[in-house]
Amino acid sequence: MLAYVYKDKGNFALEEKPRPVITDPKDAIVKITLASICTSDLHIKRGFVPRAVKGVTVGHEAVGIVEEVGGEIHNVKAGDRVVVNVETFCGECFFCKRGYVNNCTDKNGGWAIGCRIDGVQAQYVKVPFANTGLIKIPDNVSDEEALFVGDILATGYWAADISGMEEGDVALIIGAGPTGICTALCAALKNPSRLIICEKDEKRREFAKHICPMAEVIAPESVEEYIKQNCIRGGADVVFEVAGAENTFELAWKCARPNAVVVVVAMYDKPQILPLPDMYGKNLTFKTGGVDGCKCNEILALISQKKIDATPLITHTFSLRDIKEAYDLFESRTDGVIKVAVKP
């Protein structure tokens, strides 16, 4: 089968690999029907993910059809359309039982697919712990509608959930990339009084206005003043830092009101500084870490009910054979690209 493989820093290659086979009764084999490229894949390519294994098939965001299941699989069966979760998790360890599935203690737990074990930018993928790692897609939900459920929609939903947002709060989202947009769509479900999106790229600001008409979309150079003028409590009640760019971590805590929650969703290329003397007295709560993607059924239900629609994020589609061109486009951020879908 064809698979896109991490060779070494800066180098991915399309190769022939053997089709995966079941080696554990908790495995399932999925035929990929639609996959996507994520910024985390670029982090691997640039060498920013030390745990990524050379030779691994990359990609962790996909939907497909179950081909075969192991003897202990009962949640899905051959022929089912499924979302592949970004995380594999045993469901039995201390962390899994508390919903912290990103920290599953199994050697294949957490973000393993497309990082430490073969991923989804291929024709087939083997999913360990398939009872928890595969989610059936409702009949009235298309592959395109379900594509982001296992990763960036799960991330946005997780971020909104852990933020403790209440109805009537003011929410600020820094970054209108794909994950920022998904965070905005999920935060909107909490009925904030204001939903403010900060984005430096003009075209992405226009895109954010289109897909999130309920939001106020502004440029970063004006965000601090805008927050001061429009937030009666001196800042946003909840800030989501989704950009991971230079100075955006600082911008996040500066725009938060005293006793606010700052949710750090972004992955950074280098360490960030927490200037405690400068923020002394703001009494902020920071929540950070990788997504706990264990609420995909809830997200699919919301999509089925037409309460979330992330399909406009798919701006380009490529075949797997042309995946290098897809990466080049996604990395260059040209031609209005937001997310690229890949068809094996």
Protein backbone atom coordinates (compact mmCIF):
# COMPACT_ATOMS: atom_id res chain seq x y z
CA MET A 1 0.00 0.00 0.00
CA LEU A 2 1.04 3.64 -0.42
CA ALA A 3 2.07 5.52 2.73
CA TYR A 4 3.67 8.90 3.48
CA VAL A 5 6.69 8.29 5.71
CA TYR A 6 8.87 10.37 8.06
CA LYS A 7 12.46 9.73 6.93
CA ASP A 8 14.41 12.33 8.90
CA LYS A 9 14.23 16.04 9.78
CA GLY A 10 12.79 17.94 6.83
CA ASN A 11 12.17 14.82 4.77
CA PHE A 12 8.94 12.90 4.20
CA ALA A 13 8.57 10.41 1.33
CA LEU A 14 5.78 8.48 -0.37
CA GLU A 15 6.61 4.78 -0.17
CA GLU A 16 5.19 1.31 -0.59
CA LYS A 17 4.61 -0.44 2.73
CA PRO A 18 3.03 -3.78 3.59
CA ARG A 19 -0.66 -3.55 4.38
CA PRO A 20 -1.08 -3.72 8.19
CA VAL A 21 -2.37 -6.87 9.85
CA ILE A 22 -4.01 -7.51 13.20
CA THR A 23 -1.47 -8.53 15.85
CA ASP A 24 -3.58 -8.00 18.97
CA PRO A 25 -7.26 -8.83 19.68
CA LYS A 26 -7.85 -5.13 20.42
CA ASP A 27 -6.68 -4.06 16.94
CA ALA A 28 -8.74 -3.05 13.93
CA ILE A 29 -7.73 -2.40 10.32
CA VAL A 30 -9.31 0.64 8.67
CA LYS A 31 -9.34 1.47 4.97
CA ILE A 32 -8.81 5.23 4.82
CA THR A 33 -11.35 7.11 2.69
CA LEU A 34 -10.33 10.67 3.62
CA ALA A 35 -7.40 12.04 5.60
CA SER A 36 -5.99 15.46 6.34
CA ILE A 37 -2.73 17.26 7.05
CA CYS A 38 -2.28 18.88 10.46
CA THR A 39 0.15 21.48 11.76
CA SER A 40 1.43 18.78 14.13
CA ASP A 41 2.62 16.88 11.04
CA LEU A 42 4.67 19.95 10.14
CA HIS A 43 6.13 19.96 13.66
CA ILE A 44 7.33 16.39 13.02
CA LYS A 45 8.78 17.37 9.66
CA ARG A 46 10.68 20.28 11.22
CA GLY A 47 12.11 18.09 13.96
CA PHE A 48 10.14 19.63 16.84
CA VAL A 49 8.65 16.30 18.02
CA PRO A 50 11.57 14.29 19.48
CA ARG A 51 9.38 11.26 20.20
CA ALA A 52 8.42 10.91 16.51
CA VAL A 53 9.91 7.69 15.14
CA LYS A 54 11.80 7.75 11.86
CA GLY A 55 10.15 5.45 9.34
CA VAL A 56 6.67 5.97 10.76
CA THR A 57 3.73 6.68 8.46
CA VAL A 58 2.56 10.18 9.37
CA GLY A 59 -0.95 11.59 9.78
CA HIS A 60 -3.49 11.28 12.58
CA GLU A 61 -6.69 12.86 11.25
CA ALA A 62 -8.90 10.62 9.10
CA VAL A 63 -12.11 8.74 8.46
CA GLY A 64 -12.50 5.36 6.86
CA ILE A 65 -14.23 1.99 6.68
CA VAL A 66 -13.46 -0.85 9.07
CA GLU A 67 -11.95 -3.78 7.13
CA GLU A 68 -11.20 -6.22 9.93
CA VAL A 69 -11.40 -6.34 13.73
CA GLY A 70 -9.67 -8.32 16.45
CA GLY A 71 -11.46 -10.77 18.69
CA GLU A 72 -12.02 -8.30 21.56
CA ILE A 73 -13.54 -5.51 19.47
CA HIS A 74 -17.25 -4.93 20.11
CA ASN A 75 -17.88 -1.20 19.45
CA VAL A 76 -17.30 -1.41 15.68
CA LYS A 77 -17.45 -4.11 13.03
CA ALA A 78 -16.33 -4.64 9.45
CA GLY A 79 -18.13 -2.26 7.10
CA ASP A 80 -18.68 0.52 9.65
CA ARG A 81 -17.75 4.08 8.69
CA VAL A 82 -15.55 5.46 11.45
CA VAL A 83 -13.57 8.41 12.70
CA VAL A 84 -10.00 7.61 13.70
CA ASN A 85 -9.20 9.27 17.02
CA VAL A 86 -5.94 11.20 17.20
CA GLU A 87 -5.24 9.32 20.44
CA THR A 88 -5.15 5.65 21.25
CA PHE A 89 -6.03 4.84 24.84
CA CYS A 90 -6.57 1.70 26.85
CA GLY A 91 -9.55 3.00 28.82
CA GLU A 92 -8.36 1.13 31.91
CA CYS A 93 -5.38 2.96 33.45
CA PHE A 94 -5.53 5.69 36.13
CA PHE A 95 -5.56 8.51 33.59
CA CYS A 96 -8.01 6.96 31.12
CA LYS A 97 -10.57 6.30 33.87
CA ARG A 98 -10.49 10.02 34.71
CA GLY A 99 -10.82 11.17 31.10
CA TYR A 100 -7.15 12.13 30.72
CA VAL A 101 -6.68 9.86 27.74
CA ASN A 102 -3.80 11.89 26.32
CA ASN A 103 -1.77 10.53 29.23
CA CYS A 104 -2.71 6.86 28.81
CA THR A 105 0.14 4.87 30.31
CA ASP A 106 0.18 2.14 27.65
CA LYS A 107 3.24 2.22 25.39
CA ASN A 108 0.88 2.95 22.47
CA GLY A 109 -1.28 5.36 24.47
CA GLY A 110 -1.85 9.07 23.90
CA TRP A 111 -0.77 10.63 20.61
CA ALA A 112 0.86 7.62 19.02
CA ILE A 113 -0.79 7.36 15.58
CA GLY A 114 1.33 9.13 12.99
CA CYS A 115 4.02 9.82 15.57
CA ARG A 116 5.21 6.62 17.26
CA ILE A 117 3.12 4.09 15.31
CA ASP A 118 2.00 4.15 11.68
CA GLY A 119 -0.61 6.79 10.90
CA VAL A 120 -3.37 7.58 8.45
CA GLN A 121 -1.74 9.26 5.45
CA ALA A 122 -1.88 5.87 3.78
CA GLN A 123 -4.37 3.51 2.22
CA TYR A 124 -4.82 1.48 5.42
CA VAL A 125 -4.07 1.94 9.12
CA LYS A 126 -3.99 -0.41 12.08
CA VAL A 127 -5.66 1.13 15.14
CA PRO A 128 -4.79 -0.33 18.57
CA PHE A 129 -7.46 -0.14 21.28
CA ALA A 130 -10.04 0.16 18.54
CA ASN A 131 -12.95 0.00 21.00
CA THR A 132 -11.96 3.49 22.17
CA GLY A 133 -9.96 4.73 19.17
CA LEU A 134 -12.66 4.30 16.50
CA ILE A 135 -16.02 6.09 16.57
CA LYS A 136 -18.94 5.17 14.31
CA ILE A 137 -20.15 7.96 12.02
CA PRO A 138 -23.93 8.57 11.92
CA ASP A 139 -25.56 7.83 8.57
CA ASN A 140 -26.49 11.48 8.02
CA VAL A 141 -22.89 12.71 8.51
CA SER A 142 -20.57 12.73 5.49
CA ASP A 143 -16.87 11.89 5.51
CA GLU A 144 -16.09 15.58 5.03
CA GLU A 145 -18.28 16.56 7.99
CA ALA A 146 -16.62 13.94 10.20
CA LEU A 147 -13.03 14.44 9.05
CA PHE A 148 -11.90 16.75 11.86
CA VAL A 149 -13.78 15.07 14.72
CA GLY A 150 -10.82 12.95 15.81
CA ASP A 151 -8.34 15.82 16.09
CA ILE A 152 -8.94 19.55 15.68
CA LEU A 153 -12.66 19.47 16.51
CA ALA A 154 -11.86 17.24 19.48
CA THR A 155 -9.23 19.80 20.48
CA GLY A 156 -11.61 22.75 20.22
CA TYR A 157 -14.29 20.86 22.15
CA TRP A 158 -11.80 19.83 24.86
CA ALA A 159 -10.52 23.41 25.16
CA ALA A 160 -14.02 24.87 25.55
CA ASP A 161 -14.88 22.14 28.04
CA ILE A 162 -11.88 22.57 30.37
CA SER A 163 -12.11 26.38 30.24
CA GLY A 164 -15.09 26.40 32.59
CA MET A 165 -16.82 28.94 30.32
CA GLU A 166 -20.26 30.02 31.48
CA GLU A 167 -23.11 31.55 29.52
CA GLY A 168 -22.56 35.29 29.16
CA ASP A 169 -18.76 35.14 29.47
CA VAL A 170 -16.44 37.02 27.12
CA ALA A 171 -14.16 34.61 25.26
CA LEU A 172 -11.03 35.60 23.35
CA ILE A 173 -9.45 33.20 20.87
CA ILE A 174 -5.93 34.01 19.69
CA GLY A 175 -5.34 32.45 16.28
CA ALA A 176 -7.78 31.76 13.43
CA GLY A 177 -6.03 28.77 11.96
CA PRO A 178 -7.95 25.50 11.64
CA THR A 179 -7.74 24.66 15.36
CA GLY A 180 -8.59 28.23 16.33
CA ILE A 181 -11.70 28.12 14.16
CA CYS A 182 -12.74 24.78 15.67
CA THR A 183 -12.20 26.22 19.14
CA ALA A 184 -14.41 29.17 18.21
CA LEU A 185 -17.17 26.90 16.88
CA CYS A 186 -17.13 24.90 20.12
CA ALA A 187 -16.84 27.93 22.40
CA ALA A 188 -19.88 29.42 20.65
CA LEU A 189 -21.94 26.48 21.96
CA LYS A 190 -21.38 27.88 25.49
CA ASN A 191 -23.37 31.05 24.56
CA PRO A 192 -20.76 33.71 25.40
CA SER A 193 -21.87 37.33 25.44
CA ARG A 194 -18.93 38.12 23.14
CA LEU A 195 -16.71 35.86 21.09
CA ILE A 196 -13.58 37.68 19.95
CA ILE A 197 -11.06 36.18 17.51
CA CYS A 198 -7.59 37.69 17.11
CA GLU A 199 -5.69 36.83 13.90
CA LYS A 200 -2.78 38.56 12.17
CA ASP A 201 -3.44 37.28 8.64
CA GLU A 202 -6.01 39.38 6.80
CA LYS A 203 -7.29 36.53 4.62
CA ARG A 204 -7.76 34.31 7.66
CA ARG A 205 -9.61 37.14 9.41
CA GLU A 206 -12.01 37.26 6.46
CA PHE A 207 -12.38 33.49 6.56
CA ALA A 208 -13.08 33.58 10.31
CA LYS A 209 -15.81 36.18 9.77
CA HIS A 210 -17.39 33.90 7.18
CA ILE A 211 -17.37 30.66 9.17
CA CYS A 212 -17.97 32.30 12.60
CA PRO A 213 -20.44 35.12 11.88
CA MET A 214 -21.18 35.43 15.59
CA ALA A 215 -17.57 36.46 16.32
CA GLU A 216 -15.82 39.82 16.44
CA VAL A 217 -12.61 39.38 14.42
CA ILE A 218 -9.71 41.76 14.98
CA ALA A 219 -5.98 42.12 14.26
CA PRO A 220 -3.42 41.54 17.03
CA GLU A 221 -2.01 45.06 17.01
CA SER A 222 -5.35 46.37 18.26
CA VAL A 223 -6.45 43.52 20.51
CA GLU A 224 -5.25 44.81 23.90
CA GLU A 225 -6.93 48.18 23.42
CA TYR A 226 -10.05 46.51 22.04
CA ILE A 227 -10.27 44.26 25.09
CA LYS A 228 -9.86 47.20 27.46
CA GLN A 229 -12.64 49.11 25.74
CA ASN A 230 -15.07 46.22 25.38
CA CYS A 231 -14.63 44.09 28.49
CA ILE A 232 -16.19 45.63 31.58
CA ARG A 233 -14.18 43.39 33.93
CA GLY A 234 -10.82 44.51 32.58
CA GLY A 235 -10.23 41.62 30.22
CA ALA A 236 -11.67 38.46 28.76
CA ASP A 237 -13.19 35.89 31.13
CA VAL A 238 -11.58 33.07 29.15
CA VAL A 239 -8.65 33.27 26.75
CA PHE A 240 -7.73 30.48 24.33
CA GLU A 241 -4.16 30.66 23.03
CA VAL A 242 -4.27 28.67 19.80
CA ALA A 243 -1.70 30.51 17.68
CA GLY A 244 1.60 29.39 19.19
CA ALA A 245 3.38 32.30 17.52
CA GLU A 246 5.92 34.82 18.77
CA ASN A 247 4.49 36.76 21.74
CA THR A 248 1.02 35.16 21.59
CA PHE A 249 1.47 33.50 25.00
CA GLU A 250 2.23 36.93 26.48
CA LEU A 251 -0.73 38.45 24.64
CA ALA A 252 -3.02 35.77 26.09
CA TRP A 253 -2.33 36.49 29.75
CA LYS A 254 -2.26 40.24 29.22
CA CYS A 255 -5.76 40.16 27.70
CA ALA A 256 -7.20 38.05 30.52
CA ARG A 257 -9.10 39.71 33.34
CA PRO A 258 -8.02 39.05 36.94
CA ASN A 259 -8.94 35.50 38.05
CA ALA A 260 -9.55 34.44 34.45
CA VAL A 261 -8.73 31.12 32.82
CA VAL A 262 -6.11 30.94 30.05
CA VAL A 263 -6.30 27.73 28.02
CA VAL A 264 -3.07 27.06 26.12
CA VAL A 265 -4.04 24.94 23.11
CA ALA A 266 -1.05 25.81 20.91
CA MET A 267 2.09 23.77 20.35
CA TYR A 268 5.24 25.91 20.50
CA ASP A 269 8.52 25.62 18.63
CA LYS A 270 10.48 26.87 21.65
CA PRO A 271 10.00 27.35 25.43
CA GLN A 272 7.74 30.12 26.67
CA ILE A 273 8.39 32.47 29.60
CA LEU A 274 5.98 32.74 32.50
CA PRO A 275 6.82 36.21 33.93
CA LEU A 276 5.30 35.74 37.39
CA PRO A 277 6.40 39.16 38.78
CA ASP A 278 4.70 40.93 35.86
CA MET A 279 1.42 39.05 36.30
CA TYR A 280 1.45 39.05 40.09
CA GLY A 281 -2.01 39.77 41.48
CA LYS A 282 -3.92 38.74 38.33
CA ASN A 283 -4.48 35.34 39.95
CA LEU A 284 -4.77 33.58 36.61
CA THR A 285 -5.43 29.90 36.08
CA PHE A 286 -3.52 28.31 33.20
CA LYS A 287 -4.73 25.08 31.63
CA THR A 288 -2.38 23.42 29.18
CA GLY A 289 -1.61 20.16 27.45
CA GLY A 290 -2.63 17.85 24.66
CA VAL A 291 -6.26 17.20 23.83
CA ASP A 292 -8.11 14.50 25.74
CA GLY A 293 -10.08 13.23 22.74
CA CYS A 294 -12.67 11.14 24.51
CA LYS A 295 -15.84 13.06 23.58
CA CYS A 296 -15.95 12.37 19.86
CA ASN A 297 -19.40 10.80 20.12
CA GLU A 298 -20.74 14.07 21.54
CA ILE A 299 -19.14 16.02 18.70
CA LEU A 300 -20.56 13.69 16.05
CA ALA A 301 -24.00 14.07 17.63
CA LEU A 302 -23.70 17.87 17.38
CA ILE A 303 -22.66 17.57 13.73
CA SER A 304 -25.58 15.23 13.08
CA GLN A 305 -27.88 17.84 14.66
CA LYS A 306 -26.34 20.54 12.41
CA LYS A 307 -24.99 22.49 15.40
CA ILE A 308 -21.38 22.32 14.21
CA ASP A 309 -20.14 22.48 10.62
CA ALA A 310 -16.40 22.55 10.00
CA THR A 311 -16.54 21.50 6.34
CA PRO A 312 -15.66 25.01 5.05
CA LEU A 313 -12.20 24.42 6.51
CA ILE A 314 -11.52 21.99 3.63
CA THR A 315 -10.24 24.39 0.98
CA HIS A 316 -8.21 21.93 -1.11
CA THR A 317 -8.28 18.20 -1.88
CA PHE A 318 -5.39 16.09 -3.22
CA SER A 319 -4.85 12.43 -4.00
CA LEU A 320 -2.41 10.50 -1.82
CA ARG A 321 -0.06 10.25 -4.80
CA ASP A 322 0.13 14.06 -4.82
CA ILE A 323 0.57 14.45 -1.08
CA LYS A 324 3.94 16.20 -1.35
CA GLU A 325 2.23 19.00 -3.30
CA ALA A 326 -0.48 19.07 -0.62
CA TYR A 327 2.16 19.53 2.09
CA ASP A 328 3.94 22.24 0.12
CA LEU A 329 0.67 24.15 -0.21
CA PHE A 330 -0.34 23.68 3.42
CA GLU A 331 3.08 24.74 4.68
CA SER A 332 3.27 27.80 2.42
CA ARG A 333 -0.23 29.03 3.43
CA THR A 334 -0.81 30.21 -0.14
CA ASP A 335 -3.90 30.09 -2.36
CA GLY A 336 -6.19 30.66 0.63
CA VAL A 337 -5.45 27.22 2.08
CA ILE A 338 -6.92 26.38 5.48
CA LYS A 339 -7.05 22.57 5.55
CA VAL A 340 -6.10 20.02 2.90
CA ALA A 341 -8.00 16.77 2.48
CA VAL A 342 -6.19 13.74 1.10
CA LYS A 343 -7.95 10.91 -0.74
CA PRO A 344 -6.07 7.59 -0.87
